[in-house]
PDB file of N, CA and C in Angstrom:
ATOM      1  N   MET A   1      27.008 -24.528   4.038  1.00  0.00           N
ATOM      2  CA  MET A   1      26.875 -23.397   3.159  1.00  0.00           C
ATOM      3  C   MET A   1      27.510 -23.750   1.810  1.00  0.00           C
ATOM      4  N   ALA A   2      26.774 -23.492   0.769  1.00  0.00           N
ATOM      5  CA  ALA A   2      27.279 -23.804  -0.562  1.00  0.00           C
ATOM      6  C   ALA A   2      28.286 -22.753  -1.002  1.00  0.00           C
ATOM      7  N   ILE A   3      29.290 -23.230  -1.701  1.00  0.00           N
ATOM      8  CA  ILE A   3      30.302 -22.321  -2.215  1.00  0.00           C
ATOM      9  C   ILE A   3      30.186 -22.323  -3.730  1.00  0.00           C
ATOM     10  N   SER A   4      30.155 -21.146  -4.289  1.00  0.00           N
ATOM     11  CA  SER A   4      30.076 -21.052  -5.749  1.00  0.00           C
ATOM     12  C   SER A   4      31.205 -20.174  -6.252  1.00  0.00           C
ATOM     13  N   ARG A   5      31.488 -20.321  -7.516  1.00  0.00           N
ATOM     14  CA  ARG A   5      32.552 -19.536  -8.116  1.00  0.00           C
ATOM     15  C   ARG A   5      32.109 -18.094  -8.290  1.00  0.00           C
ATOM     16  N   LYS A   6      33.069 -17.233  -8.296  1.00  0.00           N
ATOM     17  CA  LYS A   6      32.830 -15.823  -8.548  1.00  0.00           C
ATOM     18  C   LYS A   6      32.338 -15.687  -9.993  1.00  0.00           C
ATOM     19  N   PRO A   7      31.274 -14.905 -10.227  1.00  0.00           N
ATOM     20  CA  PRO A   7      30.785 -14.772 -11.592  1.00  0.00           C
ATOM     21  C   PRO A   7      31.819 -14.103 -12.484  1.00  0.00           C
ATOM     22  N   LYS A   8      31.845 -14.533 -13.719  1.00  0.00           N
ATOM     23  CA  LYS A   8      32.793 -13.962 -14.678  1.00  0.00           C
ATOM     24  C   LYS A   8      32.315 -12.578 -15.090  1.00  0.00           C
ATOM     25  N   THR A   9      33.238 -11.662 -15.156  1.00  0.00           N
ATOM     26  CA  THR A   9      32.899 -10.287 -15.525  1.00  0.00           C
ATOM     27  C   THR A   9      33.361  -9.928 -16.925  1.00  0.00           C
ATOM     28  N   ASP A  10      33.811 -10.925 -17.665  1.00  0.00           N
ATOM     29  CA  ASP A  10      34.340 -10.624 -18.988  1.00  0.00           C
ATOM     30  C   ASP A  10      33.267 -10.584 -20.066  1.00  0.00           C
ATOM     31  N   THR A  11      32.004 -10.755 -19.712  1.00  0.00           N
ATOM     32  CA  THR A  11      30.938 -10.681 -20.706  1.00  0.00           C
ATOM     33  C   THR A  11      30.655  -9.216 -20.996  1.00  0.00           C
ATOM     34  N   ALA A  12      31.012  -8.788 -22.150  1.00  0.00           N
ATOM     35  CA  ALA A  12      30.863  -7.385 -22.534  1.00  0.00           C
ATOM     36  C   ALA A  12      29.456  -7.134 -23.072  1.00  0.00           C
ATOM     37  N   VAL A  13      28.900  -6.036 -22.652  1.00  0.00           N
ATOM     38  CA  VAL A  13      27.590  -5.616 -23.127  1.00  0.00           C
ATOM     39  C   VAL A  13      27.791  -4.304 -23.865  1.00  0.00           C
ATOM     40  N   SER A  14      27.220  -4.240 -25.048  1.00  0.00           N
ATOM     41  CA  SER A  14      27.429  -3.033 -25.852  1.00  0.00           C
ATOM     42  C   SER A  14      26.584  -1.880 -25.331  1.00  0.00           C
ATOM     43  N   GLU A  15      27.020  -0.690 -25.653  1.00  0.00           N
ATOM     44  CA  GLU A  15      26.265   0.511 -25.270  1.00  0.00           C
ATOM     45  C   GLU A  15      24.865   0.474 -25.862  1.00  0.00           C
ATOM     46  N   ALA A  16      24.725  -0.062 -27.059  1.00  0.00           N
ATOM     47  CA  ALA A  16      23.419  -0.137 -27.725  1.00  0.00           C
ATOM     48  C   ALA A  16      22.465  -1.035 -26.934  1.00  0.00           C
ATOM     49  N   GLU A  17      22.985  -2.151 -26.411  1.00  0.00           N
ATOM     50  CA  GLU A  17      22.146  -3.060 -25.620  1.00  0.00           C
ATOM     51  C   GLU A  17      21.712  -2.391 -24.317  1.00  0.00           C
ATOM     52  N   ILE A  18      22.627  -1.673 -23.688  1.00  0.00           N
ATOM     53  CA  ILE A  18      22.299  -0.963 -22.448  1.00  0.00           C
ATOM     54  C   ILE A  18      21.239   0.093 -22.720  1.00  0.00           C
ATOM     55  N   LYS A  19      21.427   0.853 -23.791  1.00  0.00           N
ATOM     56  CA  LYS A  19      20.476   1.906 -24.151  1.00  0.00           C
ATOM     57  C   LYS A  19      19.102   1.321 -24.470  1.00  0.00           C
ATOM     58  N   ALA A  20      19.061   0.159 -25.129  1.00  0.00           N
ATOM     59  CA  ALA A  20      17.794  -0.487 -25.470  1.00  0.00           C
ATOM     60  C   ALA A  20      17.030  -0.883 -24.211  1.00  0.00           C
ATOM     61  N   VAL A  21      17.745  -1.397 -23.221  1.00  0.00           N
ATOM     62  CA  VAL A  21      17.101  -1.788 -21.964  1.00  0.00           C
ATOM     63  C   VAL A  21      16.546  -0.562 -21.245  1.00  0.00           C
ATOM     64  N   ILE A  22      17.333   0.503 -21.206  1.00  0.00           N
ATOM     65  CA  ILE A  22      16.896   1.727 -20.526  1.00  0.00           C
ATOM     66  C   ILE A  22      15.691   2.329 -21.224  1.00  0.00           C
ATOM     67  N   GLU A  23      15.716   2.401 -22.540  1.00  0.00           N
ATOM     68  CA  GLU A  23      14.612   3.001 -23.286  1.00  0.00           C
ATOM     69  C   GLU A  23      13.352   2.156 -23.270  1.00  0.00           C
ATOM     70  N   LYS A  24      13.532   0.847 -23.086  1.00  0.00           N
ATOM     71  CA  LYS A  24      12.358  -0.031 -23.012  1.00  0.00           C
ATOM     72  C   LYS A  24      11.486   0.373 -21.836  1.00  0.00           C
ATOM     73  N   GLY A  25      12.123   0.710 -20.737  1.00  0.00           N
ATOM     74  CA  GLY A  25      11.387   1.159 -19.556  1.00  0.00           C
ATOM     75  C   GLY A  25      10.537   0.050 -18.965  1.00  0.00           C
ATOM     76  N   GLY A  26       9.618   0.464 -18.127  1.00  0.00           N
ATOM     77  CA  GLY A  26       8.734  -0.491 -17.476  1.00  0.00           C
ATOM     78  C   GLY A  26       7.302  -0.051 -17.648  1.00  0.00           C
ATOM     79  N   SER A  27       6.434  -0.705 -16.950  1.00  0.00           N
ATOM     80  CA  SER A  27       5.021  -0.338 -17.035  1.00  0.00           C
ATOM     81  C   SER A  27       4.555   0.178 -15.681  1.00  0.00           C
ATOM     82  N   VAL A  28       3.548   1.004 -15.702  1.00  0.00           N
ATOM     83  CA  VAL A  28       2.969   1.566 -14.497  1.00  0.00           C
ATOM     84  C   VAL A  28       1.926   0.599 -13.979  1.00  0.00           C
ATOM     85  N   VAL A  29       1.893   0.400 -12.674  1.00  0.00           N
ATOM     86  CA  VAL A  29       0.910  -0.481 -12.082  1.00  0.00           C
ATOM     87  C   VAL A  29      -0.470   0.125 -12.298  1.00  0.00           C
ATOM     88  N   ASN A  30      -1.379  -0.678 -12.821  1.00  0.00           N
ATOM     89  CA  ASN A  30      -2.730  -0.218 -13.101  1.00  0.00           C
ATOM     90  C   ASN A  30      -3.668  -0.802 -12.057  1.00  0.00           C
ATOM     91  N   ASP A  31      -4.248   0.038 -11.238  1.00  0.00           N
ATOM     92  CA  ASP A  31      -5.148  -0.417 -10.173  1.00  0.00           C
ATOM     93  C   ASP A  31      -6.603  -0.219 -10.609  1.00  0.00           C
ATOM     94  N   SER A  32      -6.966  -0.824 -11.729  1.00  0.00           N
ATOM     95  CA  SER A  32      -8.322  -0.653 -12.236  1.00  0.00           C
ATOM     96  C   SER A  32      -9.192  -1.868 -11.937  1.00  0.00           C
ATOM     97  N   HIS A  33      -8.800  -2.663 -10.944  1.00  0.00           N
ATOM     98  CA  HIS A  33      -9.541  -3.873 -10.622  1.00  0.00           C
ATOM     99  C   HIS A  33     -10.631  -3.653  -9.585  1.00  0.00           C
ATOM    100  N   GLY A  34     -10.829  -2.451  -9.155  1.00  0.00           N
ATOM    101  CA  GLY A  34     -11.832  -2.196  -8.130  1.00  0.00           C
ATOM    102  C   GLY A  34     -12.524  -0.880  -8.389  1.00  0.00           C
ATOM    103  N   PRO A  35     -13.376  -0.493  -7.459  1.00  0.00           N
ATOM    104  CA  PRO A  35     -14.074   0.781  -7.631  1.00  0.00           C
ATOM    105  C   PRO A  35     -13.103   1.956  -7.539  1.00  0.00           C
ATOM    106  N   GLU A  36     -13.489   3.032  -8.159  1.00  0.00           N
ATOM    107  CA  GLU A  36     -12.662   4.235  -8.103  1.00  0.00           C
ATOM    108  C   GLU A  36     -12.582   4.711  -6.659  1.00  0.00           C
ATOM    109  N   ARG A  37     -11.395   5.062  -6.229  1.00  0.00           N
ATOM    110  CA  ARG A  37     -11.206   5.550  -4.867  1.00  0.00           C
ATOM    111  C   ARG A  37     -10.768   6.995  -4.914  1.00  0.00           C
ATOM    112  N   ARG A  38     -11.236   7.751  -3.955  1.00  0.00           N
ATOM    113  CA  ARG A  38     -10.854   9.152  -3.834  1.00  0.00           C
ATOM    114  C   ARG A  38     -10.375   9.403  -2.414  1.00  0.00           C
ATOM    115  N   ASN A  39      -9.438  10.305  -2.271  1.00  0.00           N
ATOM    116  CA  ASN A  39      -8.935  10.666  -0.951  1.00  0.00           C
ATOM    117  C   ASN A  39      -9.880  11.658  -0.291  1.00  0.00           C
ATOM    118  N   LEU A  40      -9.971  11.553   1.022  1.00  0.00           N
ATOM    119  CA  LEU A  40     -10.819  12.439   1.803  1.00  0.00           C
ATOM    120  C   LEU A  40     -10.045  12.842   3.047  1.00  0.00           C
ATOM    121  N   GLN A  41      -9.983  14.126   3.292  1.00  0.00           N
ATOM    122  CA  GLN A  41      -9.314  14.591   4.501  1.00  0.00           C
ATOM    123  C   GLN A  41     -10.377  14.753   5.578  1.00  0.00           C
ATOM    124  N   LEU A  42     -10.109  14.206   6.746  1.00  0.00           N
ATOM    125  CA  LEU A  42     -11.077  14.224   7.839  1.00  0.00           C
ATOM    126  C   LEU A  42     -10.424  14.850   9.059  1.00  0.00           C
ATOM    127  N   ARG A  43     -11.044  15.896   9.599  1.00  0.00           N
ATOM    128  CA  ARG A  43     -10.519  16.550  10.804  1.00  0.00           C
ATOM    129  C   ARG A  43     -11.442  16.206  11.965  1.00  0.00           C
ATOM    130  N   LEU A  44     -10.857  15.617  13.007  1.00  0.00           N
ATOM    131  CA  LEU A  44     -11.631  15.225  14.185  1.00  0.00           C
ATOM    132  C   LEU A  44     -11.030  15.867  15.421  1.00  0.00           C
ATOM    133  N   GLU A  45     -11.879  16.123  16.399  1.00  0.00           N
ATOM    134  CA  GLU A  45     -11.389  16.645  17.671  1.00  0.00           C
ATOM    135  C   GLU A  45     -10.589  15.568  18.387  1.00  0.00           C
ATOM    136  N   ALA A  46      -9.626  15.987  19.158  1.00  0.00           N
ATOM    137  CA  ALA A  46      -8.750  15.052  19.869  1.00  0.00           C
ATOM    138  C   ALA A  46      -9.556  14.130  20.781  1.00  0.00           C
ATOM    139  N   THR A  47     -10.601  14.650  21.432  1.00  0.00           N
ATOM    140  CA  THR A  47     -11.396  13.812  22.342  1.00  0.00           C
ATOM    141  C   THR A  47     -12.130  12.717  21.579  1.00  0.00           C
ATOM    142  N   LEU A  48     -12.583  13.021  20.362  1.00  0.00           N
ATOM    143  CA  LEU A  48     -13.260  12.010  19.549  1.00  0.00           C
ATOM    144  C   LEU A  48     -12.280  10.919  19.120  1.00  0.00           C
ATOM    145  N   ILE A  49     -11.079  11.318  18.766  1.00  0.00           N
ATOM    146  CA  ILE A  49     -10.052  10.338  18.389  1.00  0.00           C
ATOM    147  C   ILE A  49      -9.712   9.448  19.587  1.00  0.00           C
ATOM    148  N   GLU A  50      -9.648  10.037  20.784  1.00  0.00           N
ATOM    149  CA  GLU A  50      -9.364   9.250  21.985  1.00  0.00           C
ATOM    150  C   GLU A  50     -10.478   8.241  22.246  1.00  0.00           C
ATOM    151  N   GLN A  51     -11.739   8.638  22.027  1.00  0.00           N
ATOM    152  CA  GLN A  51     -12.870   7.717  22.205  1.00  0.00           C
ATOM    153  C   GLN A  51     -12.791   6.570  21.192  1.00  0.00           C
ATOM    154  N   ILE A  52     -12.457   6.896  19.954  1.00  0.00           N
ATOM    155  CA  ILE A  52     -12.321   5.868  18.916  1.00  0.00           C
ATOM    156  C   ILE A  52     -11.206   4.899  19.291  1.00  0.00           C
ATOM    157  N   ASP A  53     -10.076   5.436  19.726  1.00  0.00           N
ATOM    158  CA  ASP A  53      -8.949   4.585  20.100  1.00  0.00           C
ATOM    159  C   ASP A  53      -9.280   3.686  21.282  1.00  0.00           C
ATOM    160  N   ALA A  54     -10.072   4.196  22.213  1.00  0.00           N
ATOM    161  CA  ALA A  54     -10.476   3.380  23.370  1.00  0.00           C
ATOM    162  C   ALA A  54     -11.341   2.206  22.909  1.00  0.00           C
ATOM    163  N   LEU A  55     -12.272   2.464  21.993  1.00  0.00           N
ATOM    164  CA  LEU A  55     -13.124   1.384  21.482  1.00  0.00           C
ATOM    165  C   LEU A  55     -12.314   0.392  20.650  1.00  0.00           C
ATOM    166  N   ARG A  56     -11.386   0.894  19.849  1.00  0.00           N
ATOM    167  CA  ARG A  56     -10.534   0.005  19.055  1.00  0.00           C
ATOM    168  C   ARG A  56      -9.726  -0.906  19.965  1.00  0.00           C
ATOM    169  N   GLY A  57      -9.240  -0.353  21.074  1.00  0.00           N
ATOM    170  CA  GLY A  57      -8.391  -1.103  21.998  1.00  0.00           C
ATOM    171  C   GLY A  57      -9.098  -2.233  22.706  1.00  0.00           C
ATOM    172  N   LYS A  58     -10.421  -2.206  22.737  1.00  0.00           N
ATOM    173  CA  LYS A  58     -11.188  -3.266  23.410  1.00  0.00           C
ATOM    174  C   LYS A  58     -11.313  -4.518  22.555  1.00  0.00           C
ATOM    175  N   ARG A  59     -11.013  -4.413  21.265  1.00  0.00           N
ATOM    176  CA  ARG A  59     -11.133  -5.580  20.386  1.00  0.00           C
ATOM    177  C   ARG A  59      -9.905  -6.471  20.526  1.00  0.00           C
ATOM    178  N   MET A  60     -10.097  -7.770  20.284  1.00  0.00           N
ATOM    179  CA  MET A  60      -9.000  -8.725  20.433  1.00  0.00           C
ATOM    180  C   MET A  60      -7.830  -8.357  19.524  1.00  0.00           C
ATOM    181  N   VAL A  61      -8.132  -8.024  18.280  1.00  0.00           N
ATOM    182  CA  VAL A  61      -7.122  -7.532  17.343  1.00  0.00           C
ATOM    183  C   VAL A  61      -7.593  -6.155  16.899  1.00  0.00           C
ATOM    184  N   PRO A  62      -7.057  -5.112  17.519  1.00  0.00           N
ATOM    185  CA  PRO A  62      -7.531  -3.763  17.202  1.00  0.00           C
ATOM    186  C   PRO A  62      -7.262  -3.395  15.746  1.00  0.00           C
ATOM    187  N   PRO A  63      -8.293  -2.951  15.030  1.00  0.00           N
ATOM    188  CA  PRO A  63      -8.069  -2.520  13.648  1.00  0.00           C
ATOM    189  C   PRO A  63      -7.397  -1.153  13.630  1.00  0.00           C
ATOM    190  N   SER A  64      -6.887  -0.782  12.493  1.00  0.00           N
ATOM    191  CA  SER A  64      -6.329   0.558  12.368  1.00  0.00           C
ATOM    192  C   SER A  64      -7.467   1.562  12.486  1.00  0.00           C
ATOM    193  N   ARG A  65      -7.122   2.783  12.773  1.00  0.00           N
ATOM    194  CA  ARG A  65      -8.130   3.841  12.863  1.00  0.00           C
ATOM    195  C   ARG A  65      -8.902   3.953  11.546  1.00  0.00           C
ATOM    196  N   HIS A  66      -8.180   3.880  10.456  1.00  0.00           N
ATOM    197  CA  HIS A  66      -8.785   3.958   9.127  1.00  0.00           C
ATOM    198  C   HIS A  66      -9.837   2.858   8.941  1.00  0.00           C
ATOM    199  N   THR A  67      -9.460   1.629   9.266  1.00  0.00           N
ATOM    200  CA  THR A  67     -10.377   0.502   9.127  1.00  0.00           C
ATOM    201  C   THR A  67     -11.575   0.661  10.048  1.00  0.00           C
ATOM    202  N   TRP A  68     -11.341   1.100  11.267  1.00  0.00           N
ATOM    203  CA  TRP A  68     -12.442   1.276  12.223  1.00  0.00           C
ATOM    204  C   TRP A  68     -13.443   2.298  11.699  1.00  0.00           C
ATOM    205  N   ILE A  69     -12.940   3.408  11.157  1.00  0.00           N
ATOM    206  CA  ILE A  69     -13.820   4.456  10.632  1.00  0.00           C
ATOM    207  C   ILE A  69     -14.586   3.941   9.419  1.00  0.00           C
ATOM    208  N   LEU A  70     -13.925   3.163   8.535  1.00  0.00           N
ATOM    209  CA  LEU A  70     -14.629   2.580   7.391  1.00  0.00           C
ATOM    210  C   LEU A  70     -15.741   1.641   7.847  1.00  0.00           C
ATOM    211  N   GLU A  71     -15.470   0.817   8.860  1.00  0.00           N
ATOM    212  CA  GLU A  71     -16.500  -0.081   9.397  1.00  0.00           C
ATOM    213  C   GLU A  71     -17.682   0.725   9.930  1.00  0.00           C
ATOM    214  N   ALA A  72     -17.395   1.808  10.644  1.00  0.00           N
ATOM    215  CA  ALA A  72     -18.463   2.640  11.204  1.00  0.00           C
ATOM    216  C   ALA A  72     -19.304   3.268  10.093  1.00  0.00           C
ATOM    217  N   ILE A  73     -18.659   3.709   9.040  1.00  0.00           N
ATOM    218  CA  ILE A  73     -19.395   4.292   7.913  1.00  0.00           C
ATOM    219  C   ILE A  73     -20.287   3.248   7.269  1.00  0.00           C
ATOM    220  N   HIS A  74     -19.753   2.044   7.044  1.00  0.00           N
ATOM    221  CA  HIS A  74     -20.551   0.974   6.429  1.00  0.00           C
ATOM    222  C   HIS A  74     -21.736   0.583   7.312  1.00  0.00           C
ATOM    223  N   GLU A  75     -21.518   0.515   8.629  1.00  0.00           N
ATOM    224  CA  GLU A  75     -22.631   0.220   9.554  1.00  0.00           C
ATOM    225  C   GLU A  75     -23.722   1.277   9.435  1.00  0.00           C
ATOM    226  N   LYS A  76     -23.328   2.522   9.412  1.00  0.00           N
ATOM    227  CA  LYS A  76     -24.278   3.628   9.333  1.00  0.00           C
ATOM    228  C   LYS A  76     -25.051   3.560   8.019  1.00  0.00           C
ATOM    229  N   LEU A  77     -24.368   3.244   6.927  1.00  0.00           N
ATOM    230  CA  LEU A  77     -25.039   3.147   5.627  1.00  0.00           C
ATOM    231  C   LEU A  77     -26.019   1.981   5.567  1.00  0.00           C
ATOM    232  N   GLN A  78     -25.681   0.858   6.231  1.00  0.00           N
ATOM    233  CA  GLN A  78     -26.565  -0.310   6.226  1.00  0.00           C
ATOM    234  C   GLN A  78     -27.794  -0.079   7.093  1.00  0.00           C
ATOM    235  N   ASN A  79     -27.615   0.608   8.232  1.00  0.00           N
ATOM    236  CA  ASN A  79     -28.702   0.783   9.181  1.00  0.00           C
ATOM    237  C   ASN A  79     -29.486   2.079   8.940  1.00  0.00           C
ATOM    238  N   GLY A  80     -29.003   2.895   8.047  1.00  0.00           N
ATOM    239  CA  GLY A  80     -29.713   4.123   7.718  1.00  0.00           C
ATOM    240  C   GLY A  80     -29.483   5.138   8.753  1.00  0.00           C
TER     241      GLY A  80
END
């Protein structure tokens, strides 16, 4: 294990420098690299969710419920 010296704390930073850093702020993550996404609330009967979970469980690596439902929607859209 490497041993290092304790950092020196005598480096004074002025209030103006601290205020400049705070006021600079940061940037907001921009997720404009893909299609616009919208949230959708979906209410399903418990028996339907159990059927979905049973089918998901048969796969070698079960996808999340969300992913499984997206796959089903895409299949339906492709096959009409």
